[in-house]
Amino acid sequence: YDYEQRIPQPFEVDVELRLNLQPAGIDDDLTKTIDYGRVYSIVQRVMESTTFRLLEALAEAISHEILAEFDVVEVGVRIRKPAVNLGGPLDYAGVEIWRRRQSSA
């Protein structure tokens, strides 16, 4: 809705990353895993720097940035909008997408 573009809306975002965590777990080595603070920063930057009309577009932008930044096989992005008014009672409106890294071959 148009009013949603004018008034800041709260969102809840979950990000799931698929990658091989065994090397980090075996060696207890932070450099062999993902810096979750950087993931958070990417999500925050995408959400605060651009206005999206659709939750789907926001999820696509977040997944694109994460796949570009990190060596992950797949990323899942869930976005929930808890303060949505669709004419009846509901906890939230939301979307979930999964995107895989494109193979180079």
PDB file of N, CA and C in Angstrom:
ATOM      1  N   TYR A   1       0.830  -1.191   0.000  1.00  0.00           N
ATOM      2  CA  TYR A   1       0.000   0.000   0.000  1.00  0.00           C
ATOM      3  C   TYR A   1       0.873   1.254   0.000  1.00  0.00           C
ATOM      4  N   ASP A   2       0.329   2.342  -0.546  1.00  0.00           N
ATOM      5  CA  ASP A   2       1.098   3.584  -0.645  1.00  0.00           C
ATOM      6  C   ASP A   2       1.532   4.117   0.719  1.00  0.00           C
ATOM      7  N   TYR A   3       0.655   4.035   1.712  1.00  0.00           N
ATOM      8  CA  TYR A   3       1.013   4.566   3.030  1.00  0.00           C
ATOM      9  C   TYR A   3       2.211   3.822   3.627  1.00  0.00           C
ATOM     10  N   GLU A   4       2.402   2.565   3.235  1.00  0.00           N
ATOM     11  CA  GLU A   4       3.534   1.800   3.746  1.00  0.00           C
ATOM     12  C   GLU A   4       4.859   2.335   3.212  1.00  0.00           C
ATOM     13  N   GLN A   5       4.819   3.009   2.094  1.00  0.00           N
ATOM     14  CA  GLN A   5       6.030   3.610   1.529  1.00  0.00           C
ATOM     15  C   GLN A   5       6.405   4.891   2.272  1.00  0.00           C
ATOM     16  N   ARG A   6       5.432   5.537   2.885  1.00  0.00           N
ATOM     17  CA  ARG A   6       5.676   6.813   3.571  1.00  0.00           C
ATOM     18  C   ARG A   6       6.026   6.635   5.046  1.00  0.00           C
ATOM     19  N   ILE A   7       5.495   5.603   5.670  1.00  0.00           N
ATOM     20  CA  ILE A   7       5.679   5.381   7.096  1.00  0.00           C
ATOM     21  C   ILE A   7       6.595   4.171   7.284  1.00  0.00           C
ATOM     22  N   PRO A   8       7.696   4.320   8.028  1.00  0.00           N
ATOM     23  CA  PRO A   8       8.593   3.170   8.244  1.00  0.00           C
ATOM     24  C   PRO A   8       7.838   1.975   8.837  1.00  0.00           C
ATOM     25  N   GLN A   9       8.136   0.805   8.324  1.00  0.00           N
ATOM     26  CA  GLN A   9       7.472  -0.426   8.737  1.00  0.00           C
ATOM     27  C   GLN A   9       8.470  -1.340   9.444  1.00  0.00           C
ATOM     28  N   PRO A  10       8.038  -2.017  10.508  1.00  0.00           N
ATOM     29  CA  PRO A  10       8.939  -2.993  11.144  1.00  0.00           C
ATOM     30  C   PRO A  10       8.983  -4.287  10.327  1.00  0.00           C
ATOM     31  N   PHE A  11      10.163  -4.903  10.315  1.00  0.00           N
ATOM     32  CA  PHE A  11      10.360  -6.170   9.627  1.00  0.00           C
ATOM     33  C   PHE A  11      11.145  -7.101  10.540  1.00  0.00           C
ATOM     34  N   GLU A  12      10.952  -8.384  10.355  1.00  0.00           N
ATOM     35  CA  GLU A  12      11.777  -9.407  10.986  1.00  0.00           C
ATOM     36  C   GLU A  12      12.412 -10.208   9.863  1.00  0.00           C
ATOM     37  N   VAL A  13      13.723 -10.422   9.954  1.00  0.00           N
ATOM     38  CA  VAL A  13      14.450 -11.100   8.886  1.00  0.00           C
ATOM     39  C   VAL A  13      15.240 -12.265   9.477  1.00  0.00           C
ATOM     40  N   ASP A  14      15.093 -13.435   8.846  1.00  0.00           N
ATOM     41  CA  ASP A  14      15.910 -14.596   9.176  1.00  0.00           C
ATOM     42  C   ASP A  14      16.745 -14.930   7.947  1.00  0.00           C
ATOM     43  N   VAL A  15      18.006 -15.244   8.173  1.00  0.00           N
ATOM     44  CA  VAL A  15      18.892 -15.650   7.089  1.00  0.00           C
ATOM     45  C   VAL A  15      19.491 -17.001   7.458  1.00  0.00           C
ATOM     46  N   GLU A  16      19.384 -17.958   6.552  1.00  0.00           N
ATOM     47  CA  GLU A  16      20.021 -19.264   6.728  1.00  0.00           C
ATOM     48  C   GLU A  16      21.042 -19.443   5.622  1.00  0.00           C
ATOM     49  N   LEU A  17      22.222 -19.880   6.010  1.00  0.00           N
ATOM     50  CA  LEU A  17      23.312 -20.091   5.064  1.00  0.00           C
ATOM     51  C   LEU A  17      23.653 -21.577   5.026  1.00  0.00           C
ATOM     52  N   ARG A  18      23.843 -22.096   3.824  1.00  0.00           N
ATOM     53  CA  ARG A  18      24.252 -23.493   3.673  1.00  0.00           C
ATOM     54  C   ARG A  18      25.670 -23.510   3.134  1.00  0.00           C
ATOM     55  N   LEU A  19      26.539 -24.145   3.925  1.00  0.00           N
ATOM     56  CA  LEU A  19      27.939 -24.299   3.548  1.00  0.00           C
ATOM     57  C   LEU A  19      28.535 -25.399   4.404  1.00  0.00           C
ATOM     58  N   ASN A  20      29.708 -25.835   4.047  1.00  0.00           N
ATOM     59  CA  ASN A  20      30.392 -26.878   4.799  1.00  0.00           C
ATOM     60  C   ASN A  20      31.018 -26.255   6.045  1.00  0.00           C
ATOM     61  N   LEU A  21      30.470 -26.588   7.204  1.00  0.00           N
ATOM     62  CA  LEU A  21      30.969 -26.053   8.475  1.00  0.00           C
ATOM     63  C   LEU A  21      31.947 -26.990   9.178  1.00  0.00           C
ATOM     64  N   GLN A  22      32.201 -28.154   8.584  1.00  0.00           N
ATOM     65  CA  GLN A  22      33.067 -29.132   9.232  1.00  0.00           C
ATOM     66  C   GLN A  22      34.478 -28.588   9.490  1.00  0.00           C
ATOM     67  N   PRO A  23      35.148 -27.929   8.527  1.00  0.00           N
ATOM     68  CA  PRO A  23      36.491 -27.422   8.817  1.00  0.00           C
ATOM     69  C   PRO A  23      36.529 -26.462  10.008  1.00  0.00           C
ATOM     70  N   ALA A  24      35.563 -25.579  10.110  1.00  0.00           N
ATOM     71  CA  ALA A  24      35.518 -24.639  11.232  1.00  0.00           C
ATOM     72  C   ALA A  24      35.268 -25.378  12.541  1.00  0.00           C
ATOM     73  N   GLY A  25      34.358 -26.355  12.510  1.00  0.00           N
ATOM     74  CA  GLY A  25      34.046 -27.104  13.721  1.00  0.00           C
ATOM     75  C   GLY A  25      35.191 -27.963  14.211  1.00  0.00           C
ATOM     76  N   ILE A  26      35.895 -28.597  13.285  1.00  0.00           N
ATOM     77  CA  ILE A  26      37.024 -29.457  13.658  1.00  0.00           C
ATOM     78  C   ILE A  26      38.174 -28.636  14.219  1.00  0.00           C
ATOM     79  N   ASP A  27      38.482 -27.528  13.536  1.00  0.00           N
ATOM     80  CA  ASP A  27      39.636 -26.713  13.928  1.00  0.00           C
ATOM     81  C   ASP A  27      39.289 -25.614  14.932  1.00  0.00           C
ATOM     82  N   ASP A  28      38.005 -25.440  15.226  1.00  0.00           N
ATOM     83  CA  ASP A  28      37.559 -24.364  16.110  1.00  0.00           C
ATOM     84  C   ASP A  28      38.151 -23.031  15.647  1.00  0.00           C
ATOM     85  N   ASP A  29      38.013 -22.780  14.327  1.00  0.00           N
ATOM     86  CA  ASP A  29      38.692 -21.658  13.672  1.00  0.00           C
ATOM     87  C   ASP A  29      37.667 -20.713  13.040  1.00  0.00           C
ATOM     88  N   LEU A  30      37.607 -19.528  13.582  1.00  0.00           N
ATOM     89  CA  LEU A  30      36.657 -18.520  13.108  1.00  0.00           C
ATOM     90  C   LEU A  30      36.876 -18.150  11.643  1.00  0.00           C
ATOM     91  N   THR A  31      38.102 -18.227  11.170  1.00  0.00           N
ATOM     92  CA  THR A  31      38.374 -17.845   9.781  1.00  0.00           C
ATOM     93  C   THR A  31      37.816 -18.848   8.775  1.00  0.00           C
ATOM     94  N   LYS A  32      37.376 -20.015   9.257  1.00  0.00           N
ATOM     95  CA  LYS A  32      36.841 -21.043   8.360  1.00  0.00           C
ATOM     96  C   LYS A  32      35.308 -21.081   8.363  1.00  0.00           C
ATOM     97  N   THR A  33      34.700 -20.046   8.884  1.00  0.00           N
ATOM     98  CA  THR A  33      33.248 -19.981   8.906  1.00  0.00           C
ATOM     99  C   THR A  33      32.806 -18.592   8.449  1.00  0.00           C
ATOM    100  N   ILE A  34      31.549 -18.274   8.656  1.00  0.00           N
ATOM    101  CA  ILE A  34      30.980 -17.003   8.226  1.00  0.00           C
ATOM    102  C   ILE A  34      30.960 -16.031   9.404  1.00  0.00           C
ATOM    103  N   ASP A  35      31.311 -14.798   9.144  1.00  0.00           N
ATOM    104  CA  ASP A  35      31.221 -13.738  10.146  1.00  0.00           C
ATOM    105  C   ASP A  35      29.771 -13.261  10.174  1.00  0.00           C
ATOM    106  N   TYR A  36      29.029 -13.679  11.191  1.00  0.00           N
ATOM    107  CA  TYR A  36      27.603 -13.365  11.263  1.00  0.00           C
ATOM    108  C   TYR A  36      27.359 -11.867  11.436  1.00  0.00           C
ATOM    109  N   GLY A  37      28.320 -11.167  12.001  1.00  0.00           N
ATOM    110  CA  GLY A  37      28.210  -9.713  12.102  1.00  0.00           C
ATOM    111  C   GLY A  37      28.195  -9.062  10.730  1.00  0.00           C
ATOM    112  N   ARG A  38      28.986  -9.600   9.810  1.00  0.00           N
ATOM    113  CA  ARG A  38      28.987  -9.086   8.435  1.00  0.00           C
ATOM    114  C   ARG A  38      27.673  -9.395   7.729  1.00  0.00           C
ATOM    115  N   VAL A  39      27.104 -10.573   7.996  1.00  0.00           N
ATOM    116  CA  VAL A  39      25.797 -10.921   7.422  1.00  0.00           C
ATOM    117  C   VAL A  39      24.756  -9.916   7.914  1.00  0.00           C
ATOM    118  N   TYR A  40      24.757  -9.655   9.205  1.00  0.00           N
ATOM    119  CA  TYR A  40      23.824  -8.686   9.775  1.00  0.00           C
ATOM    120  C   TYR A  40      23.998  -7.319   9.120  1.00  0.00           C
ATOM    121  N   SER A  41      25.239  -6.899   8.948  1.00  0.00           N
ATOM    122  CA  SER A  41      25.510  -5.594   8.331  1.00  0.00           C
ATOM    123  C   SER A  41      24.977  -5.515   6.903  1.00  0.00           C
ATOM    124  N   ILE A  42      25.095  -6.606   6.160  1.00  0.00           N
ATOM    125  CA  ILE A  42      24.571  -6.634   4.788  1.00  0.00           C
ATOM    126  C   ILE A  42      23.059  -6.471   4.805  1.00  0.00           C
ATOM    127  N   VAL A  43      22.394  -7.231   5.659  1.00  0.00           N
ATOM    128  CA  VAL A  43      20.931  -7.141   5.747  1.00  0.00           C
ATOM    129  C   VAL A  43      20.522  -5.723   6.129  1.00  0.00           C
ATOM    130  N   GLN A  44      21.178  -5.167   7.120  1.00  0.00           N
ATOM    131  CA  GLN A  44      20.859  -3.814   7.566  1.00  0.00           C
ATOM    132  C   GLN A  44      21.076  -2.797   6.441  1.00  0.00           C
ATOM    133  N   ARG A  45      22.192  -2.913   5.746  1.00  0.00           N
ATOM    134  CA  ARG A  45      22.498  -1.966   4.661  1.00  0.00           C
ATOM    135  C   ARG A  45      21.446  -2.049   3.551  1.00  0.00           C
ATOM    136  N   VAL A  46      21.095  -3.252   3.141  1.00  0.00           N
ATOM    137  CA  VAL A  46      20.100  -3.419   2.081  1.00  0.00           C
ATOM    138  C   VAL A  46      18.758  -2.831   2.524  1.00  0.00           C
ATOM    139  N   MET A  47      18.355  -3.130   3.746  1.00  0.00           N
ATOM    140  CA  MET A  47      17.053  -2.667   4.223  1.00  0.00           C
ATOM    141  C   MET A  47      16.994  -1.158   4.403  1.00  0.00           C
ATOM    142  N   GLU A  48      18.116  -0.546   4.771  1.00  0.00           N
ATOM    143  CA  GLU A  48      18.104   0.888   5.038  1.00  0.00           C
ATOM    144  C   GLU A  48      18.472   1.744   3.835  1.00  0.00           C
ATOM    145  N   SER A  49      19.028   1.146   2.796  1.00  0.00           N
ATOM    146  CA  SER A  49      19.515   1.955   1.675  1.00  0.00           C
ATOM    147  C   SER A  49      18.546   2.026   0.506  1.00  0.00           C
ATOM    148  N   THR A  50      17.574   1.140   0.467  1.00  0.00           N
ATOM    149  CA  THR A  50      16.682   1.063  -0.685  1.00  0.00           C
ATOM    150  C   THR A  50      15.252   0.866  -0.205  1.00  0.00           C
ATOM    151  N   THR A  51      14.327   1.446  -0.932  1.00  0.00           N
ATOM    152  CA  THR A  51      12.911   1.232  -0.652  1.00  0.00           C
ATOM    153  C   THR A  51      12.376   0.177  -1.606  1.00  0.00           C
ATOM    154  N   PHE A  52      11.697  -0.800  -1.055  1.00  0.00           N
ATOM    155  CA  PHE A  52      11.118  -1.875  -1.854  1.00  0.00           C
ATOM    156  C   PHE A  52       9.607  -1.852  -1.706  1.00  0.00           C
ATOM    157  N   ARG A  53       8.910  -2.147  -2.782  1.00  0.00           N
ATOM    158  CA  ARG A  53       7.451  -2.230  -2.731  1.00  0.00           C
ATOM    159  C   ARG A  53       7.000  -3.631  -2.310  1.00  0.00           C
ATOM    160  N   LEU A  54       7.835  -4.626  -2.569  1.00  0.00           N
ATOM    161  CA  LEU A  54       7.467  -6.013  -2.285  1.00  0.00           C
ATOM    162  C   LEU A  54       8.461  -6.674  -1.336  1.00  0.00           C
ATOM    163  N   LEU A  55       7.953  -7.504  -0.449  1.00  0.00           N
ATOM    164  CA  LEU A  55       8.827  -8.306   0.401  1.00  0.00           C
ATOM    165  C   LEU A  55       9.704  -9.205  -0.452  1.00  0.00           C
ATOM    166  N   GLU A  56       9.154  -9.692  -1.569  1.00  0.00           N
ATOM    167  CA  GLU A  56       9.913 -10.560  -2.472  1.00  0.00           C
ATOM    168  C   GLU A  56      11.156  -9.852  -3.012  1.00  0.00           C
ATOM    169  N   ALA A  57      11.020  -8.583  -3.360  1.00  0.00           N
ATOM    170  CA  ALA A  57      12.152  -7.814  -3.891  1.00  0.00           C
ATOM    171  C   ALA A  57      13.215  -7.602  -2.815  1.00  0.00           C
ATOM    172  N   LEU A  58      12.793  -7.333  -1.600  1.00  0.00           N
ATOM    173  CA  LEU A  58      13.731  -7.174  -0.490  1.00  0.00           C
ATOM    174  C   LEU A  58      14.486  -8.481  -0.244  1.00  0.00           C
ATOM    175  N   ALA A  59      13.776  -9.597  -0.231  1.00  0.00           N
ATOM    176  CA  ALA A  59      14.418 -10.901  -0.020  1.00  0.00           C
ATOM    177  C   ALA A  59      15.418 -11.211  -1.136  1.00  0.00           C
ATOM    178  N   GLU A  60      15.044 -10.901  -2.380  1.00  0.00           N
ATOM    179  CA  GLU A  60      15.959 -11.127  -3.506  1.00  0.00           C
ATOM    180  C   GLU A  60      17.227 -10.291  -3.360  1.00  0.00           C
ATOM    181  N   ALA A  61      17.085  -9.034  -2.975  1.00  0.00           N
ATOM    182  CA  ALA A  61      18.251  -8.153  -2.827  1.00  0.00           C
ATOM    183  C   ALA A  61      19.184  -8.659  -1.734  1.00  0.00           C
ATOM    184  N   ILE A  62      18.614  -9.084  -0.615  1.00  0.00           N
ATOM    185  CA  ILE A  62      19.440  -9.599   0.486  1.00  0.00           C
ATOM    186  C   ILE A  62      20.162 -10.867   0.054  1.00  0.00           C
ATOM    187  N   SER A  63      19.446 -11.791  -0.579  1.00  0.00           N
ATOM    188  CA  SER A  63      20.090 -13.050  -0.994  1.00  0.00           C
ATOM    189  C   SER A  63      21.189 -12.786  -2.015  1.00  0.00           C
ATOM    190  N   HIS A  64      20.958 -11.867  -2.944  1.00  0.00           N
ATOM    191  CA  HIS A  64      21.961 -11.527  -3.957  1.00  0.00           C
ATOM    192  C   HIS A  64      23.241 -10.995  -3.299  1.00  0.00           C
ATOM    193  N   GLU A  65      23.099 -10.080  -2.349  1.00  0.00           N
ATOM    194  CA  GLU A  65      24.269  -9.503  -1.678  1.00  0.00           C
ATOM    195  C   GLU A  65      25.037 -10.540  -0.871  1.00  0.00           C
ATOM    196  N   ILE A  66      24.332 -11.425  -0.207  1.00  0.00           N
ATOM    197  CA  ILE A  66      25.006 -12.453   0.599  1.00  0.00           C
ATOM    198  C   ILE A  66      25.746 -13.435  -0.297  1.00  0.00           C
ATOM    199  N   LEU A  67      25.122 -13.863  -1.396  1.00  0.00           N
ATOM    200  CA  LEU A  67      25.809 -14.775  -2.318  1.00  0.00           C
ATOM    201  C   LEU A  67      27.027 -14.106  -2.954  1.00  0.00           C
ATOM    202  N   ALA A  68      26.963 -12.797  -3.169  1.00  0.00           N
ATOM    203  CA  ALA A  68      28.105 -12.078  -3.741  1.00  0.00           C
ATOM    204  C   ALA A  68      29.244 -11.925  -2.738  1.00  0.00           C
ATOM    205  N   GLU A  69      28.919 -11.841  -1.466  1.00  0.00           N
ATOM    206  CA  GLU A  69      29.917 -11.561  -0.426  1.00  0.00           C
ATOM    207  C   GLU A  69      30.563 -12.812   0.167  1.00  0.00           C
ATOM    208  N   PHE A  70      29.808 -13.896   0.259  1.00  0.00           N
ATOM    209  CA  PHE A  70      30.289 -15.078   0.973  1.00  0.00           C
ATOM    210  C   PHE A  70      30.291 -16.308   0.080  1.00  0.00           C
ATOM    211  N   ASP A  71      31.190 -17.229   0.397  1.00  0.00           N
ATOM    212  CA  ASP A  71      31.300 -18.480  -0.345  1.00  0.00           C
ATOM    213  C   ASP A  71      30.343 -19.507   0.263  1.00  0.00           C
ATOM    214  N   VAL A  72      29.045 -19.260   0.086  1.00  0.00           N
ATOM    215  CA  VAL A  72      28.027 -20.184   0.571  1.00  0.00           C
ATOM    216  C   VAL A  72      27.376 -20.859  -0.631  1.00  0.00           C
ATOM    217  N   VAL A  73      26.889 -22.074  -0.421  1.00  0.00           N
ATOM    218  CA  VAL A  73      26.241 -22.839  -1.487  1.00  0.00           C
ATOM    219  C   VAL A  73      24.830 -22.315  -1.725  1.00  0.00           C
ATOM    220  N   GLU A  74      24.146 -21.995  -0.626  1.00  0.00           N
ATOM    221  CA  GLU A  74      22.747 -21.601  -0.718  1.00  0.00           C
ATOM    222  C   GLU A  74      22.417 -20.651   0.422  1.00  0.00           C
ATOM    223  N   VAL A  75      21.485 -19.745   0.166  1.00  0.00           N
ATOM    224  CA  VAL A  75      21.027 -18.825   1.196  1.00  0.00           C
ATOM    225  C   VAL A  75      19.503 -18.823   1.206  1.00  0.00           C
ATOM    226  N   GLY A  76      18.964 -18.851   2.410  1.00  0.00           N
ATOM    227  CA  GLY A  76      17.526 -18.725   2.595  1.00  0.00           C
ATOM    228  C   GLY A  76      17.239 -17.424   3.311  1.00  0.00           C
ATOM    229  N   VAL A  77      16.251 -16.690   2.839  1.00  0.00           N
ATOM    230  CA  VAL A  77      15.872 -15.420   3.462  1.00  0.00           C
ATOM    231  C   VAL A  77      14.370 -15.467   3.744  1.00  0.00           C
ATOM    232  N   ARG A  78      14.038 -15.271   5.003  1.00  0.00           N
ATOM    233  CA  ARG A  78      12.647 -15.178   5.433  1.00  0.00           C
ATOM    234  C   ARG A  78      12.411 -13.759   5.934  1.00  0.00           C
ATOM    235  N   ILE A  79      11.357 -13.125   5.448  1.00  0.00           N
ATOM    236  CA  ILE A  79      11.012 -11.783   5.899  1.00  0.00           C
ATOM    237  C   ILE A  79       9.567 -11.803   6.371  1.00  0.00           C
ATOM    238  N   ARG A  80       9.389 -11.297   7.577  1.00  0.00           N
ATOM    239  CA  ARG A  80       8.051 -11.182   8.144  1.00  0.00           C
ATOM    240  C   ARG A  80       7.764  -9.711   8.416  1.00  0.00           C
ATOM    241  N   LYS A  81       6.535  -9.326   8.133  1.00  0.00           N
ATOM    242  CA  LYS A  81       6.089  -7.964   8.382  1.00  0.00           C
ATOM    243  C   LYS A  81       4.962  -8.057   9.403  1.00  0.00           C
ATOM    244  N   PRO A  82       5.266  -7.824  10.694  1.00  0.00           N
ATOM    245  CA  PRO A  82       4.274  -8.054  11.739  1.00  0.00           C
ATOM    246  C   PRO A  82       3.187  -6.977  11.829  1.00  0.00           C
ATOM    247  N   ALA A  83       3.443  -5.787  11.382  1.00  0.00           N
ATOM    248  CA  ALA A  83       2.475  -4.694  11.543  1.00  0.00           C
ATOM    249  C   ALA A  83       1.696  -4.464  10.261  1.00  0.00           C
ATOM    250  N   VAL A  84       1.198  -5.528   9.683  1.00  0.00           N
ATOM    251  CA  VAL A  84       0.489  -5.413   8.418  1.00  0.00           C
ATOM    252  C   VAL A  84      -1.020  -5.437   8.673  1.00  0.00           C
ATOM    253  N   ASN A  85      -1.745  -4.637   7.911  1.00  0.00           N
ATOM    254  CA  ASN A  85      -3.199  -4.580   8.036  1.00  0.00           C
ATOM    255  C   ASN A  85      -3.810  -5.071   6.730  1.00  0.00           C
ATOM    256  N   LEU A  86      -4.334  -6.272   6.756  1.00  0.00           N
ATOM    257  CA  LEU A  86      -4.945  -6.849   5.562  1.00  0.00           C
ATOM    258  C   LEU A  86      -6.452  -7.049   5.733  1.00  0.00           C
ATOM    259  N   GLY A  87      -7.020  -6.402   6.741  1.00  0.00           N
ATOM    260  CA  GLY A  87      -8.457  -6.465   6.922  1.00  0.00           C
ATOM    261  C   GLY A  87      -8.943  -7.514   7.896  1.00  0.00           C
ATOM    262  N   GLY A  88      -8.044  -8.228   8.511  1.00  0.00           N
ATOM    263  CA  GLY A  88      -8.422  -9.241   9.480  1.00  0.00           C
ATOM    264  C   GLY A  88      -7.259  -9.577  10.385  1.00  0.00           C
ATOM    265  N   PRO A  89      -7.482 -10.399  11.394  1.00  0.00           N
ATOM    266  CA  PRO A  89      -6.403 -10.734  12.335  1.00  0.00           C
ATOM    267  C   PRO A  89      -5.365 -11.669  11.709  1.00  0.00           C
ATOM    268  N   LEU A  90      -4.119 -11.325  11.899  1.00  0.00           N
ATOM    269  CA  LEU A  90      -3.007 -12.192  11.509  1.00  0.00           C
ATOM    270  C   LEU A  90      -1.762 -11.756  12.249  1.00  0.00           C
ATOM    271  N   ASP A  91      -0.837 -12.675  12.415  1.00  0.00           N
ATOM    272  CA  ASP A  91       0.409 -12.362  13.119  1.00  0.00           C
ATOM    273  C   ASP A  91       1.369 -11.570  12.248  1.00  0.00           C
ATOM    274  N   TYR A  92       1.429 -11.926  10.966  1.00  0.00           N
ATOM    275  CA  TYR A  92       2.349 -11.258  10.049  1.00  0.00           C
ATOM    276  C   TYR A  92       2.053 -11.694   8.624  1.00  0.00           C
ATOM    277  N   ALA A  93       2.576 -10.933   7.692  1.00  0.00           N
ATOM    278  CA  ALA A  93       2.659 -11.354   6.295  1.00  0.00           C
ATOM    279  C   ALA A  93       4.131 -11.634   6.036  1.00  0.00           C
ATOM    280  N   GLY A  94       4.424 -12.607   5.197  1.00  0.00           N
ATOM    281  CA  GLY A  94       5.833 -12.914   4.997  1.00  0.00           C
ATOM    282  C   GLY A  94       6.109 -13.711   3.743  1.00  0.00           C
ATOM    283  N   VAL A  95       7.393 -13.756   3.403  1.00  0.00           N
ATOM    284  CA  VAL A  95       7.872 -14.549   2.275  1.00  0.00           C
ATOM    285  C   VAL A  95       9.129 -15.293   2.716  1.00  0.00           C
ATOM    286  N   GLU A  96       9.418 -16.367   2.006  1.00  0.00           N
ATOM    287  CA  GLU A  96      10.657 -17.118   2.203  1.00  0.00           C
ATOM    288  C   GLU A  96      11.160 -17.525   0.836  1.00  0.00           C
ATOM    289  N   ILE A  97      12.426 -17.250   0.576  1.00  0.00           N
ATOM    290  CA  ILE A  97      13.039 -17.661  -0.678  1.00  0.00           C
ATOM    291  C   ILE A  97      14.340 -18.395  -0.381  1.00  0.00           C
ATOM    292  N   TRP A  98      14.742 -19.246  -1.304  1.00  0.00           N
ATOM    293  CA  TRP A  98      16.035 -19.943  -1.252  1.00  0.00           C
ATOM    294  C   TRP A  98      16.717 -19.723  -2.596  1.00  0.00           C
ATOM    295  N   ARG A  99      17.965 -19.310  -2.544  1.00  0.00           N
ATOM    296  CA  ARG A  99      18.739 -19.094  -3.764  1.00  0.00           C
ATOM    297  C   ARG A  99      20.069 -19.828  -3.642  1.00  0.00           C
ATOM    298  N   ARG A 100      20.455 -20.465  -4.751  1.00  0.00           N
ATOM    299  CA  ARG A 100      21.715 -21.208  -4.809  1.00  0.00           C
ATOM    300  C   ARG A 100      22.727 -20.455  -5.650  1.00  0.00           C
ATOM    301  N   ARG A 101      23.968 -20.683  -5.322  1.00  0.00           N
ATOM    302  CA  ARG A 101      25.063 -20.117  -6.137  1.00  0.00           C
ATOM    303  C   ARG A 101      25.009 -20.754  -7.514  1.00  0.00           C
ATOM    304  N   GLN A 102      25.133 -19.940  -8.539  1.00  0.00           N
ATOM    305  CA  GLN A 102      25.162 -20.447  -9.906  1.00  0.00           C
ATOM    306  C   GLN A 102      26.504 -21.122 -10.150  1.00  0.00           C
ATOM    307  N   SER A 103      26.461 -22.300 -10.735  1.00  0.00           N
ATOM    308  CA  SER A 103      27.713 -22.992 -11.021  1.00  0.00           C
ATOM    309  C   SER A 103      28.420 -22.292 -12.178  1.00  0.00           C
ATOM    310  N   SER A 104      29.736 -22.311 -12.130  1.00  0.00           N
ATOM    311  CA  SER A 104      30.526 -21.626 -13.158  1.00  0.00           C
ATOM    312  C   SER A 104      30.734 -22.485 -14.398  1.00  0.00           C
ATOM    313  N   ALA A 105      30.345 -23.753 -14.315  1.00  0.00           N
ATOM    314  CA  ALA A 105      30.530 -24.635 -15.471  1.00  0.00           C
ATOM    315  C   ALA A 105      29.281 -24.743 -16.297  1.00  0.00           C
TER     316      ALA A 105
END
